[in-house]
Amino acid sequence: MKKLIFTFYVLLLCNSMYAQDSLNFDFEILKEKEAIGWSSFGNKEYNIVYDTAISQNGVTSASIEGNGNTDEFRVLTYTIPADFGGKK
């Protein structure tokens, strides 16, 4: 029984030591009304709005609002950091 409990604590410790950084997939981290890690490209006539009243997951959601007078587009993108440990 002691070995089982010891193994559980070792696994728990390993899991917490190698946990990944928190990524901002759901627009929760805002700075100056912009979501950290997110960027956009396309027609600047579209407005990107971060809303805390209506959300699907978490507290904040994002929407792209157009004026209806253009055939172009605007896109929100998020770059996932790739950090592969090892030697070069």
PDB file of N, CA and C in Angstrom:
ATOM      1  N   MET A   1       0.817  -1.198   0.000  1.00  0.00           N
ATOM      2  CA  MET A   1       0.000   0.000   0.000  1.00  0.00           C
ATOM      3  C   MET A   1       0.859   1.260   0.000  1.00  0.00           C
ATOM      4  N   LYS A   2       1.950   1.228   0.762  1.00  0.00           N
ATOM      5  CA  LYS A   2       2.841   2.386   0.816  1.00  0.00           C
ATOM      6  C   LYS A   2       3.483   2.635  -0.541  1.00  0.00           C
ATOM      7  N   LYS A   3       3.804   1.550  -1.260  1.00  0.00           N
ATOM      8  CA  LYS A   3       4.401   1.708  -2.586  1.00  0.00           C
ATOM      9  C   LYS A   3       3.417   2.348  -3.555  1.00  0.00           C
ATOM     10  N   LEU A   4       2.166   1.980  -3.453  1.00  0.00           N
ATOM     11  CA  LEU A   4       1.133   2.548  -4.305  1.00  0.00           C
ATOM     12  C   LEU A   4       0.968   4.045  -4.051  1.00  0.00           C
ATOM     13  N   ILE A   5       0.906   4.431  -2.795  1.00  0.00           N
ATOM     14  CA  ILE A   5       0.780   5.852  -2.443  1.00  0.00           C
ATOM     15  C   ILE A   5       2.023   6.622  -2.878  1.00  0.00           C
ATOM     16  N   PHE A   6       3.191   6.068  -2.674  1.00  0.00           N
ATOM     17  CA  PHE A   6       4.432   6.711  -3.101  1.00  0.00           C
ATOM     18  C   PHE A   6       4.443   6.895  -4.615  1.00  0.00           C
ATOM     19  N   THR A   7       4.038   5.882  -5.361  1.00  0.00           N
ATOM     20  CA  THR A   7       3.983   5.976  -6.822  1.00  0.00           C
ATOM     21  C   THR A   7       3.006   7.060  -7.261  1.00  0.00           C
ATOM     22  N   PHE A   8       1.873   7.138  -6.605  1.00  0.00           N
ATOM     23  CA  PHE A   8       0.888   8.167  -6.931  1.00  0.00           C
ATOM     24  C   PHE A   8       1.473   9.566  -6.734  1.00  0.00           C
ATOM     25  N   TYR A   9       2.145   9.803  -5.630  1.00  0.00           N
ATOM     26  CA  TYR A   9       2.729  11.116  -5.371  1.00  0.00           C
ATOM     27  C   TYR A   9       3.857  11.440  -6.344  1.00  0.00           C
ATOM     28  N   VAL A  10       4.641  10.469  -6.719  1.00  0.00           N
ATOM     29  CA  VAL A  10       5.707  10.702  -7.699  1.00  0.00           C
ATOM     30  C   VAL A  10       5.098  11.078  -9.056  1.00  0.00           C
ATOM     31  N   LEU A  11       4.064  10.373  -9.471  1.00  0.00           N
ATOM     32  CA  LEU A  11       3.401  10.707 -10.737  1.00  0.00           C
ATOM     33  C   LEU A  11       2.764  12.084 -10.684  1.00  0.00           C
ATOM     34  N   LEU A  12       2.161  12.425  -9.583  1.00  0.00           N
ATOM     35  CA  LEU A  12       1.559  13.736  -9.411  1.00  0.00           C
ATOM     36  C   LEU A  12       2.617  14.833  -9.476  1.00  0.00           C
ATOM     37  N   LEU A  13       3.748  14.610  -8.846  1.00  0.00           N
ATOM     38  CA  LEU A  13       4.839  15.566  -8.860  1.00  0.00           C
ATOM     39  C   LEU A  13       5.391  15.726 -10.274  1.00  0.00           C
ATOM     40  N   CYS A  14       5.575  14.646 -10.990  1.00  0.00           N
ATOM     41  CA  CYS A  14       6.075  14.708 -12.364  1.00  0.00           C
ATOM     42  C   CYS A  14       5.112  15.456 -13.269  1.00  0.00           C
ATOM     43  N   ASN A  15       3.841  15.220 -13.074  1.00  0.00           N
ATOM     44  CA  ASN A  15       2.842  15.901 -13.888  1.00  0.00           C
ATOM     45  C   ASN A  15       2.865  17.409 -13.650  1.00  0.00           C
ATOM     46  N   SER A  16       2.998  17.839 -12.417  1.00  0.00           N
ATOM     47  CA  SER A  16       3.010  19.267 -12.124  1.00  0.00           C
ATOM     48  C   SER A  16       4.304  19.930 -12.569  1.00  0.00           C
ATOM     49  N   MET A  17       5.399  19.214 -12.577  1.00  0.00           N
ATOM     50  CA  MET A  17       6.675  19.788 -12.993  1.00  0.00           C
ATOM     51  C   MET A  17       6.732  20.012 -14.498  1.00  0.00           C
ATOM     52  N   TYR A  18       6.113  19.146 -15.259  1.00  0.00           N
ATOM     53  CA  TYR A  18       6.180  19.233 -16.712  1.00  0.00           C
ATOM     54  C   TYR A  18       4.887  19.723 -17.335  1.00  0.00           C
ATOM     55  N   ALA A  19       4.083  20.427 -16.592  1.00  0.00           N
ATOM     56  CA  ALA A  19       2.845  20.964 -17.129  1.00  0.00           C
ATOM     57  C   ALA A  19       3.152  22.071 -18.132  1.00  0.00           C
ATOM     58  N   GLN A  20       2.333  22.147 -19.164  1.00  0.00           N
ATOM     59  CA  GLN A  20       2.546  23.158 -20.200  1.00  0.00           C
ATOM     60  C   GLN A  20       2.060  24.518 -19.718  1.00  0.00           C
ATOM     61  N   ASP A  21       2.552  25.553 -20.396  1.00  0.00           N
ATOM     62  CA  ASP A  21       2.111  26.903 -20.092  1.00  0.00           C
ATOM     63  C   ASP A  21       0.646  27.055 -20.490  1.00  0.00           C
ATOM     64  N   SER A  22      -0.010  27.985 -19.844  1.00  0.00           N
ATOM     65  CA  SER A  22      -1.400  28.261 -20.161  1.00  0.00           C
ATOM     66  C   SER A  22      -1.470  29.033 -21.475  1.00  0.00           C
ATOM     67  N   LEU A  23      -2.221  28.511 -22.424  1.00  0.00           N
ATOM     68  CA  LEU A  23      -2.397  29.173 -23.713  1.00  0.00           C
ATOM     69  C   LEU A  23      -3.735  29.890 -23.723  1.00  0.00           C
ATOM     70  N   ASN A  24      -3.829  30.945 -24.480  1.00  0.00           N
ATOM     71  CA  ASN A  24      -5.001  31.813 -24.486  1.00  0.00           C
ATOM     72  C   ASN A  24      -5.953  31.423 -25.619  1.00  0.00           C
ATOM     73  N   PHE A  25      -6.410  30.157 -25.644  1.00  0.00           N
ATOM     74  CA  PHE A  25      -7.288  29.705 -26.713  1.00  0.00           C
ATOM     75  C   PHE A  25      -8.682  30.318 -26.643  1.00  0.00           C
ATOM     76  N   ASP A  26      -9.116  30.732 -25.469  1.00  0.00           N
ATOM     77  CA  ASP A  26     -10.482  31.211 -25.319  1.00  0.00           C
ATOM     78  C   ASP A  26     -10.554  32.708 -24.992  1.00  0.00           C
ATOM     79  N   PHE A  27      -9.563  33.469 -25.417  1.00  0.00           N
ATOM     80  CA  PHE A  27      -9.560  34.945 -25.321  1.00  0.00           C
ATOM     81  C   PHE A  27      -9.653  35.469 -23.895  1.00  0.00           C
ATOM     82  N   GLU A  28      -9.271  34.671 -22.910  1.00  0.00           N
ATOM     83  CA  GLU A  28      -9.428  35.079 -21.515  1.00  0.00           C
ATOM     84  C   GLU A  28      -8.399  36.122 -21.078  1.00  0.00           C
ATOM     85  N   ILE A  29      -7.235  36.155 -21.695  1.00  0.00           N
ATOM     86  CA  ILE A  29      -6.184  37.088 -21.288  1.00  0.00           C
ATOM     87  C   ILE A  29      -6.186  38.270 -22.245  1.00  0.00           C
ATOM     88  N   LEU A  30      -6.682  39.397 -21.772  1.00  0.00           N
ATOM     89  CA  LEU A  30      -6.770  40.605 -22.594  1.00  0.00           C
ATOM     90  C   LEU A  30      -5.789  41.653 -22.090  1.00  0.00           C
ATOM     91  N   LYS A  31      -5.211  42.401 -23.019  1.00  0.00           N
ATOM     92  CA  LYS A  31      -4.335  43.515 -22.685  1.00  0.00           C
ATOM     93  C   LYS A  31      -4.657  44.646 -23.643  1.00  0.00           C
ATOM     94  N   GLU A  32      -5.088  45.771 -23.095  1.00  0.00           N
ATOM     95  CA  GLU A  32      -5.489  46.937 -23.884  1.00  0.00           C
ATOM     96  C   GLU A  32      -6.552  46.557 -24.918  1.00  0.00           C
ATOM     97  N   LYS A  33      -7.558  45.806 -24.479  1.00  0.00           N
ATOM     98  CA  LYS A  33      -8.692  45.378 -25.304  1.00  0.00           C
ATOM     99  C   LYS A  33      -8.275  44.508 -26.489  1.00  0.00           C
ATOM    100  N   GLU A  34      -7.149  43.808 -26.386  1.00  0.00           N
ATOM    101  CA  GLU A  34      -6.691  42.862 -27.397  1.00  0.00           C
ATOM    102  C   GLU A  34      -6.352  41.546 -26.698  1.00  0.00           C
ATOM    103  N   ALA A  35      -6.670  40.442 -27.331  1.00  0.00           N
ATOM    104  CA  ALA A  35      -6.363  39.130 -26.759  1.00  0.00           C
ATOM    105  C   ALA A  35      -4.887  38.817 -26.963  1.00  0.00           C
ATOM    106  N   ILE A  36      -4.218  38.417 -25.891  1.00  0.00           N
ATOM    107  CA  ILE A  36      -2.793  38.100 -25.944  1.00  0.00           C
ATOM    108  C   ILE A  36      -2.587  36.846 -26.799  1.00  0.00           C
ATOM    109  N   GLY A  37      -1.640  36.909 -27.741  1.00  0.00           N
ATOM    110  CA  GLY A  37      -1.301  35.775 -28.588  1.00  0.00           C
ATOM    111  C   GLY A  37      -2.104  35.699 -29.875  1.00  0.00           C
ATOM    112  N   TRP A  38      -3.158  36.465 -29.992  1.00  0.00           N
ATOM    113  CA  TRP A  38      -3.996  36.451 -31.179  1.00  0.00           C
ATOM    114  C   TRP A  38      -3.619  37.598 -32.101  1.00  0.00           C
ATOM    115  N   SER A  39      -3.665  37.367 -33.391  1.00  0.00           N
ATOM    116  CA  SER A  39      -3.428  38.422 -34.375  1.00  0.00           C
ATOM    117  C   SER A  39      -4.494  38.320 -35.458  1.00  0.00           C
ATOM    118  N   SER A  40      -4.574  39.329 -36.281  1.00  0.00           N
ATOM    119  CA  SER A  40      -5.580  39.335 -37.337  1.00  0.00           C
ATOM    120  C   SER A  40      -4.965  39.850 -38.627  1.00  0.00           C
ATOM    121  N   PHE A  41      -5.568  39.444 -39.714  1.00  0.00           N
ATOM    122  CA  PHE A  41      -5.185  40.009 -41.006  1.00  0.00           C
ATOM    123  C   PHE A  41      -6.425  40.074 -41.878  1.00  0.00           C
ATOM    124  N   GLY A  42      -6.340  40.864 -42.908  1.00  0.00           N
ATOM    125  CA  GLY A  42      -7.475  41.057 -43.809  1.00  0.00           C
ATOM    126  C   GLY A  42      -7.902  42.506 -43.803  1.00  0.00           C
ATOM    127  N   ASN A  43      -9.116  42.736 -44.231  1.00  0.00           N
ATOM    128  CA  ASN A  43      -9.663  44.078 -44.376  1.00  0.00           C
ATOM    129  C   ASN A  43      -9.873  44.722 -43.008  1.00  0.00           C
ATOM    130  N   LYS A  44      -9.276  45.882 -42.806  1.00  0.00           N
ATOM    131  CA  LYS A  44      -9.365  46.576 -41.519  1.00  0.00           C
ATOM    132  C   LYS A  44     -10.729  47.229 -41.287  1.00  0.00           C
ATOM    133  N   GLU A  45     -11.610  47.208 -42.288  1.00  0.00           N
ATOM    134  CA  GLU A  45     -12.945  47.784 -42.098  1.00  0.00           C
ATOM    135  C   GLU A  45     -13.814  46.905 -41.198  1.00  0.00           C
ATOM    136  N   TYR A  46     -13.423  45.655 -41.012  1.00  0.00           N
ATOM    137  CA  TYR A  46     -14.121  44.779 -40.083  1.00  0.00           C
ATOM    138  C   TYR A  46     -13.616  45.049 -38.673  1.00  0.00           C
ATOM    139  N   ASN A  47     -14.511  45.052 -37.720  1.00  0.00           N
ATOM    140  CA  ASN A  47     -14.143  45.292 -36.322  1.00  0.00           C
ATOM    141  C   ASN A  47     -14.075  43.965 -35.566  1.00  0.00           C
ATOM    142  N   ILE A  48     -13.036  43.804 -34.759  1.00  0.00           N
ATOM    143  CA  ILE A  48     -12.932  42.651 -33.873  1.00  0.00           C
ATOM    144  C   ILE A  48     -13.358  43.106 -32.485  1.00  0.00           C
ATOM    145  N   VAL A  49     -14.359  42.429 -31.941  1.00  0.00           N
ATOM    146  CA  VAL A  49     -14.941  42.813 -30.661  1.00  0.00           C
ATOM    147  C   VAL A  49     -14.814  41.649 -29.685  1.00  0.00           C
ATOM    148  N   TYR A  50     -14.335  41.938 -28.480  1.00  0.00           N
ATOM    149  CA  TYR A  50     -14.251  40.939 -27.412  1.00  0.00           C
ATOM    150  C   TYR A  50     -15.393  41.201 -26.450  1.00  0.00           C
ATOM    151  N   ASP A  51     -16.200  40.180 -26.229  1.00  0.00           N
ATOM    152  CA  ASP A  51     -17.444  40.325 -25.484  1.00  0.00           C
ATOM    153  C   ASP A  51     -17.411  39.451 -24.234  1.00  0.00           C
ATOM    154  N   THR A  52     -17.770  40.030 -23.099  1.00  0.00           N
ATOM    155  CA  THR A  52     -17.838  39.258 -21.851  1.00  0.00           C
ATOM    156  C   THR A  52     -19.275  38.919 -21.469  1.00  0.00           C
ATOM    157  N   ALA A  53     -20.257  39.455 -22.206  1.00  0.00           N
ATOM    158  CA  ALA A  53     -21.659  39.167 -21.884  1.00  0.00           C
ATOM    159  C   ALA A  53     -22.111  37.834 -22.475  1.00  0.00           C
ATOM    160  N   ILE A  54     -21.665  37.525 -23.694  1.00  0.00           N
ATOM    161  CA  ILE A  54     -22.047  36.287 -24.372  1.00  0.00           C
ATOM    162  C   ILE A  54     -20.779  35.509 -24.691  1.00  0.00           C
ATOM    163  N   SER A  55     -20.672  34.289 -24.171  1.00  0.00           N
ATOM    164  CA  SER A  55     -19.492  33.468 -24.453  1.00  0.00           C
ATOM    165  C   SER A  55     -19.891  32.002 -24.500  1.00  0.00           C
ATOM    166  N   GLN A  56     -19.109  31.195 -25.202  1.00  0.00           N
ATOM    167  CA  GLN A  56     -19.364  29.766 -25.309  1.00  0.00           C
ATOM    168  C   GLN A  56     -18.615  28.990 -24.227  1.00  0.00           C
ATOM    169  N   ASN A  57     -17.356  29.371 -24.014  1.00  0.00           N
ATOM    170  CA  ASN A  57     -16.507  28.661 -23.050  1.00  0.00           C
ATOM    171  C   ASN A  57     -15.699  29.718 -22.310  1.00  0.00           C
ATOM    172  N   GLY A  58     -15.763  29.742 -21.022  1.00  0.00           N
ATOM    173  CA  GLY A  58     -15.028  30.748 -20.265  1.00  0.00           C
ATOM    174  C   GLY A  58     -15.820  32.019 -20.112  1.00  0.00           C
ATOM    175  N   VAL A  59     -15.115  33.148 -20.048  1.00  0.00           N
ATOM    176  CA  VAL A  59     -15.751  34.433 -19.772  1.00  0.00           C
ATOM    177  C   VAL A  59     -15.831  35.321 -21.006  1.00  0.00           C
ATOM    178  N   THR A  60     -14.871  35.228 -21.922  1.00  0.00           N
ATOM    179  CA  THR A  60     -14.766  36.148 -23.048  1.00  0.00           C
ATOM    180  C   THR A  60     -14.936  35.413 -24.368  1.00  0.00           C
ATOM    181  N   SER A  61     -15.586  36.076 -25.314  1.00  0.00           N
ATOM    182  CA  SER A  61     -15.691  35.553 -26.678  1.00  0.00           C
ATOM    183  C   SER A  61     -15.258  36.654 -27.640  1.00  0.00           C
ATOM    184  N   ALA A  62     -14.969  36.266 -28.863  1.00  0.00           N
ATOM    185  CA  ALA A  62     -14.559  37.230 -29.891  1.00  0.00           C
ATOM    186  C   ALA A  62     -15.500  37.120 -31.074  1.00  0.00           C
ATOM    187  N   SER A  63     -15.740  38.253 -31.715  1.00  0.00           N
ATOM    188  CA  SER A  63     -16.538  38.254 -32.940  1.00  0.00           C
ATOM    189  C   SER A  63     -15.941  39.246 -33.916  1.00  0.00           C
ATOM    190  N   ILE A  64     -16.165  38.986 -35.180  1.00  0.00           N
ATOM    191  CA  ILE A  64     -15.705  39.876 -36.246  1.00  0.00           C
ATOM    192  C   ILE A  64     -16.952  40.479 -36.878  1.00  0.00           C
ATOM    193  N   GLU A  65     -17.059  41.796 -36.795  1.00  0.00           N
ATOM    194  CA  GLU A  65     -18.238  42.491 -37.289  1.00  0.00           C
ATOM    195  C   GLU A  65     -17.901  43.222 -38.574  1.00  0.00           C
ATOM    196  N   GLY A  66     -18.695  42.982 -39.608  1.00  0.00           N
ATOM    197  CA  GLY A  66     -18.503  43.657 -40.885  1.00  0.00           C
ATOM    198  C   GLY A  66     -19.584  44.691 -41.119  1.00  0.00           C
ATOM    199  N   ASN A  67     -19.306  45.590 -42.048  1.00  0.00           N
ATOM    200  CA  ASN A  67     -20.294  46.623 -42.354  1.00  0.00           C
ATOM    201  C   ASN A  67     -21.200  46.213 -43.515  1.00  0.00           C
ATOM    202  N   GLY A  68     -20.933  45.084 -44.159  1.00  0.00           N
ATOM    203  CA  GLY A  68     -21.781  44.598 -45.236  1.00  0.00           C
ATOM    204  C   GLY A  68     -21.521  45.218 -46.583  1.00  0.00           C
ATOM    205  N   ASN A  69     -20.565  46.139 -46.685  1.00  0.00           N
ATOM    206  CA  ASN A  69     -20.300  46.827 -47.943  1.00  0.00           C
ATOM    207  C   ASN A  69     -19.064  46.324 -48.666  1.00  0.00           C
ATOM    208  N   THR A  70     -18.494  45.218 -48.243  1.00  0.00           N
ATOM    209  CA  THR A  70     -17.266  44.742 -48.866  1.00  0.00           C
ATOM    210  C   THR A  70     -17.324  43.226 -49.069  1.00  0.00           C
ATOM    211  N   ASP A  71     -16.621  42.764 -50.088  1.00  0.00           N
ATOM    212  CA  ASP A  71     -16.551  41.328 -50.369  1.00  0.00           C
ATOM    213  C   ASP A  71     -15.312  40.698 -49.758  1.00  0.00           C
ATOM    214  N   GLU A  72     -14.500  41.485 -49.079  1.00  0.00           N
ATOM    215  CA  GLU A  72     -13.269  40.976 -48.494  1.00  0.00           C
ATOM    216  C   GLU A  72     -13.546  40.336 -47.131  1.00  0.00           C
ATOM    217  N   PHE A  73     -12.513  40.013 -46.383  1.00  0.00           N
ATOM    218  CA  PHE A  73     -12.664  39.290 -45.134  1.00  0.00           C
ATOM    219  C   PHE A  73     -11.637  39.762 -44.117  1.00  0.00           C
ATOM    220  N   ARG A  74     -11.801  39.309 -42.885  1.00  0.00           N
ATOM    221  CA  ARG A  74     -10.823  39.494 -41.810  1.00  0.00           C
ATOM    222  C   ARG A  74     -10.791  38.217 -40.986  1.00  0.00           C
ATOM    223  N   VAL A  75      -9.610  37.847 -40.529  1.00  0.00           N
ATOM    224  CA  VAL A  75      -9.405  36.566 -39.858  1.00  0.00           C
ATOM    225  C   VAL A  75      -8.658  36.780 -38.549  1.00  0.00           C
ATOM    226  N   LEU A  76      -9.029  36.027 -37.513  1.00  0.00           N
ATOM    227  CA  LEU A  76      -8.274  35.952 -36.264  1.00  0.00           C
ATOM    228  C   LEU A  76      -7.411  34.695 -36.310  1.00  0.00           C
ATOM    229  N   THR A  77      -6.141  34.828 -35.958  1.00  0.00           N
ATOM    230  CA  THR A  77      -5.241  33.673 -35.951  1.00  0.00           C
ATOM    231  C   THR A  77      -4.514  33.590 -34.617  1.00  0.00           C
ATOM    232  N   TYR A  78      -4.149  32.359 -34.254  1.00  0.00           N
ATOM    233  CA  TYR A  78      -3.391  32.118 -33.032  1.00  0.00           C
ATOM    234  C   TYR A  78      -2.228  31.196 -33.368  1.00  0.00           C
ATOM    235  N   THR A  79      -1.027  31.590 -32.998  1.00  0.00           N
ATOM    236  CA  THR A  79       0.156  30.788 -33.252  1.00  0.00           C
ATOM    237  C   THR A  79       0.441  29.929 -32.035  1.00  0.00           C
ATOM    238  N   ILE A  80       0.473  28.629 -32.246  1.00  0.00           N
ATOM    239  CA  ILE A  80       0.769  27.698 -31.162  1.00  0.00           C
ATOM    240  C   ILE A  80       2.281  27.563 -31.070  1.00  0.00           C
ATOM    241  N   PRO A  81       2.855  27.879 -29.922  1.00  0.00           N
ATOM    242  CA  PRO A  81       4.316  27.797 -29.809  1.00  0.00           C
ATOM    243  C   PRO A  81       4.792  26.344 -29.859  1.00  0.00           C
ATOM    244  N   ALA A  82       5.773  26.115 -30.704  1.00  0.00           N
ATOM    245  CA  ALA A  82       6.346  24.767 -30.827  1.00  0.00           C
ATOM    246  C   ALA A  82       7.710  24.767 -30.132  1.00  0.00           C
ATOM    247  N   ASP A  83       7.762  24.073 -29.025  1.00  0.00           N
ATOM    248  CA  ASP A  83       9.020  23.988 -28.264  1.00  0.00           C
ATOM    249  C   ASP A  83       9.338  22.511 -28.070  1.00  0.00           C
ATOM    250  N   PHE A  84      10.174  21.983 -28.937  1.00  0.00           N
ATOM    251  CA  PHE A  84      10.542  20.588 -28.862  1.00  0.00           C
ATOM    252  C   PHE A  84      11.880  20.477 -28.173  1.00  0.00           C
ATOM    253  N   GLY A  85      11.865  19.888 -27.005  1.00  0.00           N
ATOM    254  CA  GLY A  85      13.114  19.731 -26.247  1.00  0.00           C
ATOM    255  C   GLY A  85      14.069  18.800 -26.971  1.00  0.00           C
ATOM    256  N   GLY A  86      15.314  18.975 -26.687  1.00  0.00           N
ATOM    257  CA  GLY A  86      16.317  18.097 -27.291  1.00  0.00           C
ATOM    258  C   GLY A  86      17.545  18.875 -27.686  1.00  0.00           C
ATOM    259  N   LYS A  87      18.475  18.159 -28.264  1.00  0.00           N
ATOM    260  CA  LYS A  87      19.735  18.778 -28.684  1.00  0.00           C
ATOM    261  C   LYS A  87      19.639  19.194 -30.139  1.00  0.00           C
ATOM    262  N   LYS A  88      20.393  20.233 -30.477  1.00  0.00           N
ATOM    263  CA  LYS A  88      20.451  20.673 -31.873  1.00  0.00           C
ATOM    264  C   LYS A  88      21.465  19.880 -32.638  1.00  0.00           C
TER     265      LYS A  88
END
